[in-house]
Protein backbone atom coordinates (compact mmCIF):
# COMPACT_ATOMS: atom_id res chain seq x y z
CA MET A 1 -10.93 14.39 -4.95
CA GLN A 2 -9.12 12.51 -7.68
CA ILE A 3 -11.13 9.28 -7.65
CA GLY A 4 -14.09 9.94 -9.91
CA LYS A 5 -17.61 8.69 -10.54
CA ASN A 6 -17.87 4.94 -11.17
CA ASP A 7 -14.11 4.56 -10.83
CA LYS A 8 -12.64 1.21 -9.88
CA LEU A 9 -9.79 1.45 -7.36
CA VAL A 10 -7.54 -1.60 -7.03
CA MET A 11 -5.23 -1.68 -4.02
CA ILE A 12 -2.43 -4.25 -4.25
CA GLY A 13 0.32 -5.26 -1.87
CA ASP A 14 1.36 -7.80 0.75
CA SER A 15 -0.15 -8.91 4.08
CA ILE A 16 -0.54 -5.32 5.28
CA THR A 17 -2.92 -4.76 2.37
CA ASP A 18 -4.41 -8.27 2.43
CA CYS A 19 -5.39 -8.23 6.11
CA GLU A 20 -7.69 -11.28 5.77
CA ARG A 21 -9.58 -10.07 2.71
CA ALA A 22 -12.20 -12.29 1.11
CA ARG A 23 -11.12 -14.95 -1.41
CA PRO A 24 -12.25 -15.02 -4.13
CA VAL A 25 -12.65 -11.27 -4.25
CA GLY A 26 -15.83 -10.41 -2.38
CA GLU A 27 -17.64 -7.10 -2.46
CA GLY A 28 -20.63 -5.80 -0.55
CA LEU A 29 -20.13 -8.27 2.30
CA TRP A 30 -18.97 -7.32 5.77
CA GLY A 31 -15.23 -8.03 6.02
CA ALA A 32 -14.77 -8.57 2.28
CA MET A 33 -12.16 -5.80 2.16
CA GLY A 34 -10.20 -7.28 5.04
CA LYS A 35 -9.54 -5.72 8.43
CA GLY A 36 -7.01 -3.07 7.46
CA TYR A 37 -6.50 0.23 5.69
CA VAL A 38 -8.23 -0.87 2.48
CA SER A 39 -11.46 -1.41 4.40
CA ILE A 40 -11.13 2.03 6.00
CA VAL A 41 -10.47 3.66 2.62
CA ASP A 42 -13.49 1.90 1.11
CA GLY A 43 -15.75 2.94 3.97
CA LEU A 44 -14.69 6.57 3.96
CA LEU A 45 -14.87 6.95 0.19
CA ASN A 46 -18.38 5.58 0.00
CA ALA A 47 -19.57 7.41 3.12
CA ALA A 48 -18.29 10.78 1.90
CA TYR A 49 -18.88 10.37 -1.84
CA PRO A 50 -21.83 7.97 -2.26
CA GLU A 51 -22.87 9.66 -5.49
CA ARG A 52 -19.60 8.58 -7.12
CA SER A 53 -20.25 4.82 -6.68
CA ILE A 54 -16.53 4.13 -6.22
CA ARG A 55 -15.65 0.43 -6.30
CA VAL A 56 -12.66 -0.63 -4.20
CA ILE A 57 -10.99 -4.02 -4.72
CA ASN A 58 -8.41 -5.43 -2.30
CA MET A 59 -5.75 -7.50 -4.07
CA GLY A 60 -3.25 -7.79 -1.24
CA CYS A 61 -1.57 -11.16 -0.77
CA SER A 62 0.26 -12.11 2.41
CA GLY A 63 3.98 -12.74 2.06
CA ASN A 64 4.31 -11.10 -1.33
CA THR A 65 7.40 -9.35 -2.63
CA VAL A 66 7.52 -7.21 -5.75
CA LYS A 67 8.49 -10.37 -7.68
CA ASP A 68 5.24 -12.02 -6.57
CA LEU A 69 3.30 -8.95 -7.70
CA LYS A 70 4.92 -9.26 -11.12
CA ASN A 71 3.90 -12.92 -11.37
CA ARG A 72 0.21 -12.14 -10.71
CA TRP A 73 0.05 -8.71 -12.35
CA GLN A 74 -1.96 -9.79 -15.39
CA THR A 75 -4.76 -11.50 -13.47
CA ASP A 76 -4.79 -9.35 -10.34
CA VAL A 77 -4.35 -5.91 -11.92
CA LEU A 78 -4.56 -5.70 -15.70
CA ASP A 79 -7.49 -8.09 -16.11
CA LEU A 80 -9.46 -6.09 -13.52
CA LYS A 81 -9.12 -2.95 -15.68
CA PRO A 82 -8.78 -0.49 -12.78
CA ASP A 83 -9.24 3.24 -13.24
CA CYS A 84 -7.02 3.90 -10.24
CA LEU A 85 -4.32 1.73 -8.72
CA SER A 86 -2.51 1.84 -5.39
CA ILE A 87 0.69 -0.15 -4.85
CA MET A 88 2.33 -0.70 -1.48
CA ILE A 89 5.06 -3.33 -1.62
CA GLY A 90 8.56 -3.81 -0.24
CA THR A 91 8.20 -4.94 3.36
CA ASN A 92 8.93 -8.61 2.61
CA ASP A 93 11.57 -7.67 0.05
CA VAL A 94 13.50 -6.18 2.99
CA TRP A 95 12.32 -8.40 5.84
CA ARG A 96 13.37 -11.72 4.28
CA GLN A 97 16.94 -10.44 4.19
CA PHE A 98 16.80 -10.16 7.99
CA ASP A 99 14.57 -12.96 9.27
CA LEU A 100 15.70 -15.52 6.68
CA PRO A 101 19.24 -14.35 5.90
CA LEU A 102 20.44 -17.71 4.57
CA GLN A 103 17.61 -18.14 2.06
CA THR A 104 19.20 -15.81 -0.45
CA GLU A 105 17.16 -17.21 -3.33
CA ILE A 106 14.06 -15.43 -2.01
CA HIS A 107 15.76 -12.11 -1.28
CA VAL A 108 14.89 -9.09 -3.42
CA LYS A 109 17.83 -6.73 -3.40
CA LEU A 110 17.44 -3.03 -4.00
CA GLU A 111 18.38 -3.03 -7.69
CA GLU A 112 15.92 -5.81 -8.54
CA TYR A 113 13.22 -4.12 -6.47
CA GLU A 114 13.62 -0.86 -8.36
CA GLN A 115 13.79 -2.51 -11.75
CA THR A 116 10.69 -4.65 -11.13
CA LEU A 117 8.56 -1.92 -9.59
CA GLU A 118 9.39 0.49 -12.39
CA GLU A 119 8.57 -2.19 -14.96
CA LEU A 120 5.11 -2.62 -13.44
CA VAL A 121 4.55 1.15 -13.36
CA VAL A 122 5.63 1.59 -16.99
CA ARG A 123 3.42 -1.32 -18.05
CA THR A 124 0.33 -0.05 -16.25
CA LYS A 125 0.29 3.72 -15.85
CA PRO A 126 -0.84 4.50 -19.44
CA LEU A 127 -3.99 2.45 -18.75
CA LEU A 128 -4.92 4.35 -15.57
CA LYS A 129 -6.58 7.59 -14.59
CA GLY A 130 -4.55 7.65 -11.39
CA LEU A 131 -1.63 5.81 -9.77
CA VAL A 132 -0.61 5.98 -6.11
CA LEU A 133 2.73 4.59 -4.92
CA MET A 134 3.07 4.02 -1.18
CA THR A 135 6.38 3.31 0.50
CA PRO A 136 7.03 0.26 2.64
CA PHE A 137 7.66 1.07 6.30
CA TYR A 138 9.19 -0.27 9.50
CA ILE A 139 7.67 0.86 12.78
CA GLU A 140 11.02 1.63 14.41
CA PRO A 141 12.01 5.17 15.45
CA ASN A 142 15.78 4.62 15.25
CA PRO A 143 16.86 5.34 11.65
CA SER A 144 20.19 3.60 12.35
CA ASP A 145 18.47 0.28 13.02
CA GLN A 146 19.62 -2.02 10.20
CA MET A 147 16.20 -3.03 8.97
CA ARG A 148 14.82 0.50 9.30
CA ALA A 149 17.79 1.86 7.33
CA ALA A 150 17.23 -0.72 4.60
CA MET A 151 13.50 0.03 4.50
CA ASP A 152 14.27 3.72 4.07
CA GLN A 153 16.38 2.88 1.02
CA TYR A 154 13.50 0.97 -0.55
CA GLY A 155 11.20 3.87 0.27
CA GLU A 156 13.53 6.22 -1.59
CA VAL A 157 13.17 3.98 -4.65
CA VAL A 158 9.39 4.39 -4.49
CA LYS A 159 9.81 8.15 -4.22
CA ARG A 160 12.10 8.26 -7.28
CA ILE A 161 9.77 6.14 -9.39
CA ALA A 162 6.74 8.21 -8.40
CA ALA A 163 8.51 11.44 -9.33
CA LYS A 164 9.81 10.02 -12.59
CA HIS A 165 6.41 8.80 -13.77
CA GLY A 166 4.13 11.44 -12.26
CA ALA A 167 2.41 9.14 -9.77
CA LEU A 168 0.99 10.30 -6.45
CA PHE A 169 3.43 9.51 -3.65
CA VAL A 170 2.63 8.44 -0.09
CA ASP A 171 5.50 8.43 2.43
CA THR A 172 4.09 5.99 4.96
CA GLN A 173 7.34 5.94 6.94
CA ALA A 174 7.12 9.69 7.53
CA SER A 175 3.57 9.23 8.80
CA PHE A 176 4.67 6.51 11.22
CA ASN A 177 7.64 8.62 12.33
CA ARG A 178 5.21 11.27 13.56
CA LEU A 179 3.20 8.65 15.43
CA LEU A 180 6.38 7.27 16.99
CA GLU A 181 7.09 10.62 18.58
CA HIS A 182 4.22 9.83 20.95
CA MET A 183 3.77 6.04 20.91
CA TYR A 184 6.01 3.04 21.59
CA PRO A 185 6.42 0.75 18.52
CA ALA A 186 4.94 -2.32 20.23
CA SER A 187 1.76 -0.37 20.96
CA ILE A 188 1.28 0.02 17.18
CA ALA A 189 2.65 -3.31 15.91
CA TRP A 190 3.94 -6.25 17.94
CA ASP A 191 6.46 -7.12 15.20
CA ARG A 192 7.00 -3.53 14.00
CA VAL A 193 5.49 -4.54 10.64
CA HIS A 194 1.81 -5.50 10.98
CA PRO A 195 0.01 -2.51 12.50
CA ASN A 196 -3.07 -2.45 14.69
CA ILE A 197 -6.13 -0.37 13.87
CA THR A 198 -4.29 2.86 14.76
CA GLY A 199 -1.59 2.06 12.22
CA HIS A 200 -4.07 1.01 9.57
CA THR A 201 -6.07 4.19 10.12
CA LEU A 202 -2.86 6.16 9.67
CA LEU A 203 -2.22 4.38 6.35
CA ALA A 204 -5.77 5.07 5.19
CA ARG A 205 -5.45 8.76 6.10
CA ALA A 206 -2.13 9.03 4.27
CA PHE A 207 -3.62 7.48 1.13
CA LEU A 208 -6.77 9.60 1.25
CA ASN A 209 -4.76 12.78 1.78
CA ALA A 210 -2.76 11.98 -1.37
CA VAL A 211 -5.90 11.66 -3.50
CA GLY A 212 -7.46 14.86 -2.16
CA PHE A 213 -10.14 13.38 0.07
CA ASP A 214 -12.24 16.05 1.82
CA TYR A 215 -13.30 14.98 5.31
CA ASN A 216 -15.99 17.67 5.39
CA THR A 217 -17.78 16.38 2.31
CA GLY A 218 -21.28 15.12 3.00
CA LEU A 219 -21.43 16.22 6.62
CA ALA A 220 -24.66 17.85 7.75
């Protein structure tokens, strides 16, 4: 398992990461990690590997795009001096182009998204033991749906950057696609973006699989 003893894991993103986390950052309190996949990751890491004393910090912020991440990168990532970092961003970069099509000043087109995300990776990766890049997703089984097709393009950017810089890659859309073979989108997320506990558990499993988590560790 690639997260080591006394490592600090920072997980940053938008509302899907945020999920009502504590502000200011709270640790050791029930609900401090929010109600989503970060909380599940934190619980499983510390239940399976208590001897490693892994510290998880949720730095998700609702509504964020990759531009917002860039604006708070110094305080919310670099100043925290993480050993490991997980980034999942892109949903709002795509979504605002569809739900607020006339507000073009807040749109983050594909080229800017790629340039900004790569800039953050280049700036940060040399300071880390491990970096995990997770794709944005849209809980829609039809790949021809306009927003789903756009989200897939942004996911391909994440895949390219991960390969280029040797980061661990998590294809969250592929994980949801498997779920969608058996479940209707609205039963996972009413808006096809903000998942319920099943969707958040899927995200946690996808992340933990990427870092080599062993579900048998610590079991009697």
